[in-house]
């Protein structure tokens, strides 16, 4: 398949990326097309849709192979399920599917037309294979059964960011960062209150600890290149 675009997001590493699309609506990202696909005609009519599907490549794990069973983080990594019953990135064909809100279309930029999206769960630079409109009458199934993930994992943590660290966060990024941290970025099997975690987000390195249901930001600094 041919890569038609890449995403530009606030995540330069996998750690901290929401486990599903749409969980943190405040997250903003850009879909930037490859030069041969920077034709505004290809987007004609897309402005009429509120949401779109992104079909993309799990490029970071492409060479790591797959197994018939995996340990879903949602189940704490303690139970094995079939790979086709999960959304694990370790698949025979490492293809991802995300439903995101179409926040706008910038038709004339130096990079060609750019799609502005919200709620994306993609790492910066992720290759995108295709874009399709979300159709509520057929894509929404209110009666659907969700198996072991039938209920969304609610944002479970209260986030405390001291004012001195808030001052280092670029304007507009604070709601998105707070939303990501509230989702509890830690692996499900790690519950060590003394451990300091480091998450890269929007050009920043964010260090935090979690005690009970409170996430405390310990330090924010510029991301090391």
Protein backbone atom coordinates (compact mmCIF):
# COMPACT_ATOMS: atom_id res chain seq x y z
CA UNK A 1 0.00 0.00 0.00
CA UNK A 2 1.02 3.59 -0.58
CA UNK A 3 1.44 6.03 2.29
CA UNK A 4 -0.72 9.07 1.52
CA UNK A 5 0.02 11.19 4.60
CA UNK A 6 1.68 11.41 7.99
CA UNK A 7 0.32 12.71 11.24
CA UNK A 8 1.93 15.47 13.24
CA UNK A 9 1.01 15.00 16.90
CA UNK A 10 2.33 15.91 20.35
CA UNK A 11 3.67 12.40 20.99
CA UNK A 12 7.25 11.63 19.98
CA UNK A 13 7.26 8.30 21.83
CA UNK A 14 4.56 5.70 22.47
CA UNK A 15 4.38 6.26 26.23
CA UNK A 16 1.36 8.35 27.15
CA UNK A 17 -0.60 7.96 23.94
CA UNK A 18 -4.29 7.34 24.80
CA UNK A 19 -5.21 3.68 24.47
CA UNK A 20 -8.03 4.47 22.03
CA UNK A 21 -8.93 7.37 19.80
CA UNK A 22 -11.41 9.94 21.08
CA UNK A 23 -10.58 9.52 24.77
CA UNK A 24 -8.93 12.95 24.99
CA UNK A 25 -10.87 15.32 22.76
CA UNK A 26 -8.51 18.19 23.58
CA UNK A 27 -5.65 16.50 21.71
CA UNK A 28 -5.01 18.22 18.40
CA UNK A 29 -3.00 16.86 15.49
CA UNK A 30 -2.45 17.59 11.80
CA UNK A 31 -2.74 15.19 8.89
CA UNK A 32 -0.15 16.29 6.32
CA UNK A 33 -0.33 14.74 2.87
CA UNK A 34 2.57 13.43 0.85
CA UNK A 35 3.44 15.70 -2.13
CA UNK A 36 1.70 13.54 -4.76
CA UNK A 37 -1.56 13.64 -2.78
CA UNK A 38 -1.69 17.38 -2.08
CA UNK A 39 -4.65 17.85 -4.37
CA UNK A 40 -7.53 19.75 -2.82
CA UNK A 41 -9.92 17.96 -5.18
CA UNK A 42 -9.32 14.75 -3.21
CA UNK A 43 -10.93 16.41 -0.16
CA UNK A 44 -13.96 17.85 -1.94
CA UNK A 45 -17.02 17.26 0.26
CA UNK A 46 -15.08 16.14 3.34
CA UNK A 47 -15.93 19.38 5.12
CA UNK A 48 -19.48 18.09 5.55
CA UNK A 49 -18.40 15.34 7.96
CA UNK A 50 -17.74 15.78 11.66
CA UNK A 51 -15.58 12.64 12.03
CA UNK A 52 -13.26 10.62 9.84
CA UNK A 53 -11.54 7.24 9.94
CA UNK A 54 -7.75 7.12 9.72
CA UNK A 55 -6.22 3.87 8.50
CA UNK A 56 -2.59 3.80 9.45
CA UNK A 57 0.58 1.79 9.98
CA UNK A 58 1.89 0.56 13.35
CA UNK A 59 5.30 1.52 12.00
CA UNK A 60 7.10 1.32 15.36
CA UNK A 61 6.39 -2.42 15.71
CA UNK A 62 6.39 -3.48 12.06
CA UNK A 63 9.51 -5.65 12.46
CA UNK A 64 8.58 -7.21 15.82
CA UNK A 65 6.34 -9.97 14.51
CA UNK A 66 3.13 -11.30 16.00
CA UNK A 67 1.75 -14.13 18.13
CA UNK A 68 -1.70 -15.78 18.11
CA UNK A 69 -2.39 -14.55 21.66
CA UNK A 70 -1.58 -11.30 23.44
CA UNK A 71 -2.00 -9.80 26.92
CA UNK A 72 -4.40 -6.81 26.70
CA UNK A 73 -3.38 -3.93 29.02
CA UNK A 74 -7.08 -3.47 29.78
CA UNK A 75 -6.97 -6.81 31.62
CA UNK A 76 -3.82 -5.89 33.51
CA UNK A 77 -1.56 -7.98 31.30
CA UNK A 78 -2.52 -11.11 33.25
CA UNK A 79 -4.78 -12.82 30.75
CA UNK A 80 -4.16 -13.97 27.20
CA UNK A 81 -6.67 -13.45 24.42
CA UNK A 82 -6.56 -14.06 20.71
CA UNK A 83 -4.90 -11.29 18.75
CA UNK A 84 -8.02 -10.89 16.60
CA UNK A 85 -10.08 -10.27 19.76
CA UNK A 86 -7.89 -7.29 20.66
CA UNK A 87 -6.49 -4.11 19.19
CA UNK A 88 -2.90 -5.08 19.87
CA UNK A 89 -0.37 -3.50 17.48
CA UNK A 90 1.43 -6.85 17.16
CA UNK A 91 -0.61 -8.23 14.28
CA UNK A 92 0.06 -10.17 11.07
CA UNK A 93 -0.56 -6.89 9.23
CA UNK A 94 0.23 -3.99 11.59
CA UNK A 95 -2.68 -1.77 10.56
CA UNK A 96 -4.39 0.68 12.91
CA UNK A 97 -7.86 2.22 12.68
CA UNK A 98 -8.85 5.42 14.48
CA UNK A 99 -12.00 7.51 14.47
CA UNK A 100 -11.15 11.20 15.02
CA UNK A 101 -13.05 14.47 14.95
CA UNK A 102 -12.42 16.61 11.89
CA UNK A 103 -11.77 20.01 13.45
CA UNK A 104 -11.07 21.77 10.19
CA UNK A 105 -9.40 21.79 6.80
CA UNK A 106 -6.66 24.27 6.01
CA UNK A 107 -6.80 24.25 2.21
CA UNK A 108 -3.78 26.39 1.35
CA UNK A 109 -0.61 25.93 3.39
CA UNK A 110 3.02 25.56 2.39
CA UNK A 111 2.49 21.80 2.91
CA UNK A 112 -0.63 21.66 0.78
CA UNK A 113 -4.08 21.03 2.30
CA UNK A 114 -3.88 19.96 5.96
CA UNK A 115 -6.55 18.25 8.05
CA UNK A 116 -6.85 19.36 11.66
CA UNK A 117 -8.14 16.53 13.84
CA UNK A 118 -8.96 16.00 17.51
CA UNK A 119 -8.72 12.91 19.69
CA UNK A 120 -6.07 11.08 17.65
CA UNK A 121 -4.14 8.22 19.28
CA UNK A 122 -1.18 8.29 16.86
CA UNK A 123 2.49 8.96 17.45
CA UNK A 124 4.10 11.84 15.60
CA UNK A 125 5.16 10.78 12.11
CA UNK A 126 2.82 7.77 11.87
CA UNK A 127 2.20 6.85 8.21
CA UNK A 128 -1.43 7.03 7.08
CA UNK A 129 -2.72 4.77 4.30
CA UNK A 130 -6.24 6.07 3.85
CA UNK A 131 -8.92 8.47 5.09
CA UNK A 132 -12.63 7.71 5.01
CA UNK A 133 -15.64 9.65 6.28
CA UNK A 134 -17.43 8.37 9.38
CA UNK A 135 -21.06 7.57 8.51
CA UNK A 136 -23.31 7.70 11.60
CA UNK A 137 -26.15 5.70 10.03
CA UNK A 138 -23.93 2.70 9.36
CA UNK A 139 -20.82 3.08 11.53
CA UNK A 140 -22.68 3.73 14.80
CA UNK A 141 -24.10 0.55 16.35
CA UNK A 142 -25.72 1.40 19.71
CA UNK A 143 -26.67 -2.23 20.29
CA UNK A 144 -23.12 -3.52 19.80
CA UNK A 145 -21.52 -5.69 22.51
CA UNK A 146 -17.95 -4.82 23.48
CA UNK A 147 -16.66 -8.05 25.02
CA UNK A 148 -14.01 -7.50 27.70
CA UNK A 149 -13.90 -3.78 26.81
CA UNK A 150 -17.63 -3.12 26.89
CA UNK A 151 -17.24 -0.02 29.07
CA UNK A 152 -14.80 2.83 28.40
CA UNK A 153 -12.02 3.30 30.88
CA UNK A 154 -12.86 6.59 32.50
CA UNK A 155 -10.23 9.20 33.29
CA UNK A 156 -9.37 8.04 36.77
CA UNK A 157 -6.78 10.47 38.11
CA UNK A 158 -6.90 14.00 39.47
CA UNK A 159 -3.96 15.89 37.98
CA UNK A 160 -1.95 18.37 40.05
CA UNK A 161 0.43 20.60 38.07
CA UNK A 162 2.16 23.25 40.20
CA UNK A 163 1.98 26.78 38.81
CA UNK A 164 5.74 26.99 38.21
CA UNK A 165 5.49 24.06 35.78
CA UNK A 166 2.31 25.31 34.14
CA UNK A 167 4.25 28.42 33.10
CA UNK A 168 6.46 26.23 30.87
CA UNK A 169 3.58 24.65 28.95
CA UNK A 170 2.96 26.28 25.55
CA UNK A 171 -0.32 28.12 25.24
CA UNK A 172 -3.19 25.84 24.38
CA UNK A 173 -1.49 22.59 25.39
CA UNK A 174 -2.49 22.53 29.06
CA UNK A 175 -6.00 21.02 28.56
CA UNK A 176 -4.63 18.29 26.28
CA UNK A 177 -1.75 17.44 28.63
CA UNK A 178 -4.08 17.34 31.62
CA UNK A 179 -6.47 15.07 29.73
CA UNK A 180 -3.70 12.66 28.78
CA UNK A 181 -2.35 12.48 32.33
CA UNK A 182 -5.83 11.95 33.77
CA UNK A 183 -6.12 8.78 31.66
CA UNK A 184 -3.22 7.31 33.68
CA UNK A 185 -0.41 6.71 31.14
CA UNK A 186 1.28 4.07 33.31
CA UNK A 187 1.24 0.43 32.22
CA UNK A 188 -1.70 -1.27 33.93
CA UNK A 189 0.58 -3.58 35.89
CA UNK A 190 2.68 -0.78 37.41
CA UNK A 191 1.27 0.78 40.58
CA UNK A 192 4.46 1.92 42.36
CA UNK A 193 3.80 5.25 44.14
CA UNK A 194 7.53 6.00 44.53
CA UNK A 195 8.35 5.60 40.86
CA UNK A 196 8.87 8.72 38.76
CA UNK A 197 7.63 8.37 35.18
CA UNK A 198 8.75 10.50 32.24
CA UNK A 199 6.44 11.27 29.35
CA UNK A 200 7.30 13.28 26.26
CA UNK A 201 4.54 15.57 25.07
CA UNK A 202 4.54 18.57 22.76
CA UNK A 203 8.28 19.18 22.98
CA UNK A 204 8.30 18.75 26.75
CA UNK A 205 9.53 16.11 29.17
CA UNK A 206 6.94 15.68 31.90
CA UNK A 207 7.92 13.82 35.07
CA UNK A 208 5.18 12.62 37.38
CA UNK A 209 4.29 10.31 40.26
CA UNK A 210 0.97 8.70 41.10
CA UNK A 211 -0.25 8.15 44.63
CA UNK A 212 -3.73 6.76 44.99
CA UNK A 213 -5.95 8.62 42.56
CA UNK A 214 -3.76 11.74 42.33
CA UNK A 215 -1.11 12.31 39.68
CA UNK A 216 1.49 14.86 40.76
CA UNK A 217 3.68 16.50 38.14
CA UNK A 218 7.21 16.72 39.58
CA UNK A 219 9.00 18.53 36.79
CA UNK A 220 8.55 19.88 33.28
CA UNK A 221 11.47 20.67 30.98
CA UNK A 222 12.23 21.00 27.30
CA UNK A 223 12.49 17.67 25.50
CA UNK A 224 16.06 16.61 24.74
CA UNK A 225 16.68 16.28 21.01
